[in-house]
Amino acid sequence: MFNEEKIPFDQQIGIALFFADLDIIQRGNALLYLQKHRIVSGANTIELTVKDLPKFAGVDPFVKLVDKKAADNIKSL
């Protein structure tokens, strides 16, 4: 077995906003915003201004990184 070790995190990660419900997001037609932002260990705050009101936000929403809990990458707002 492998031992997990916490290490400092400092990467550019995709941040997304979606204007529709999850079933439409899965079809790829609901993207309002997608840009990479620097995410570091600890708390991070990102303020975005977009034209329409988003319904969901995602961090690495298309699971580009190895992630044990990818289901929690998109949350409703």
Foldseek 3Di string as FASTA:
>chain_A
DDDDDDDKDWDWWKKWFFADDPVVVVVPDTTFDIDTDIDIPDDDDDDDDGDDDGQKMFTNQVPPDDDPCSVPRMDGD
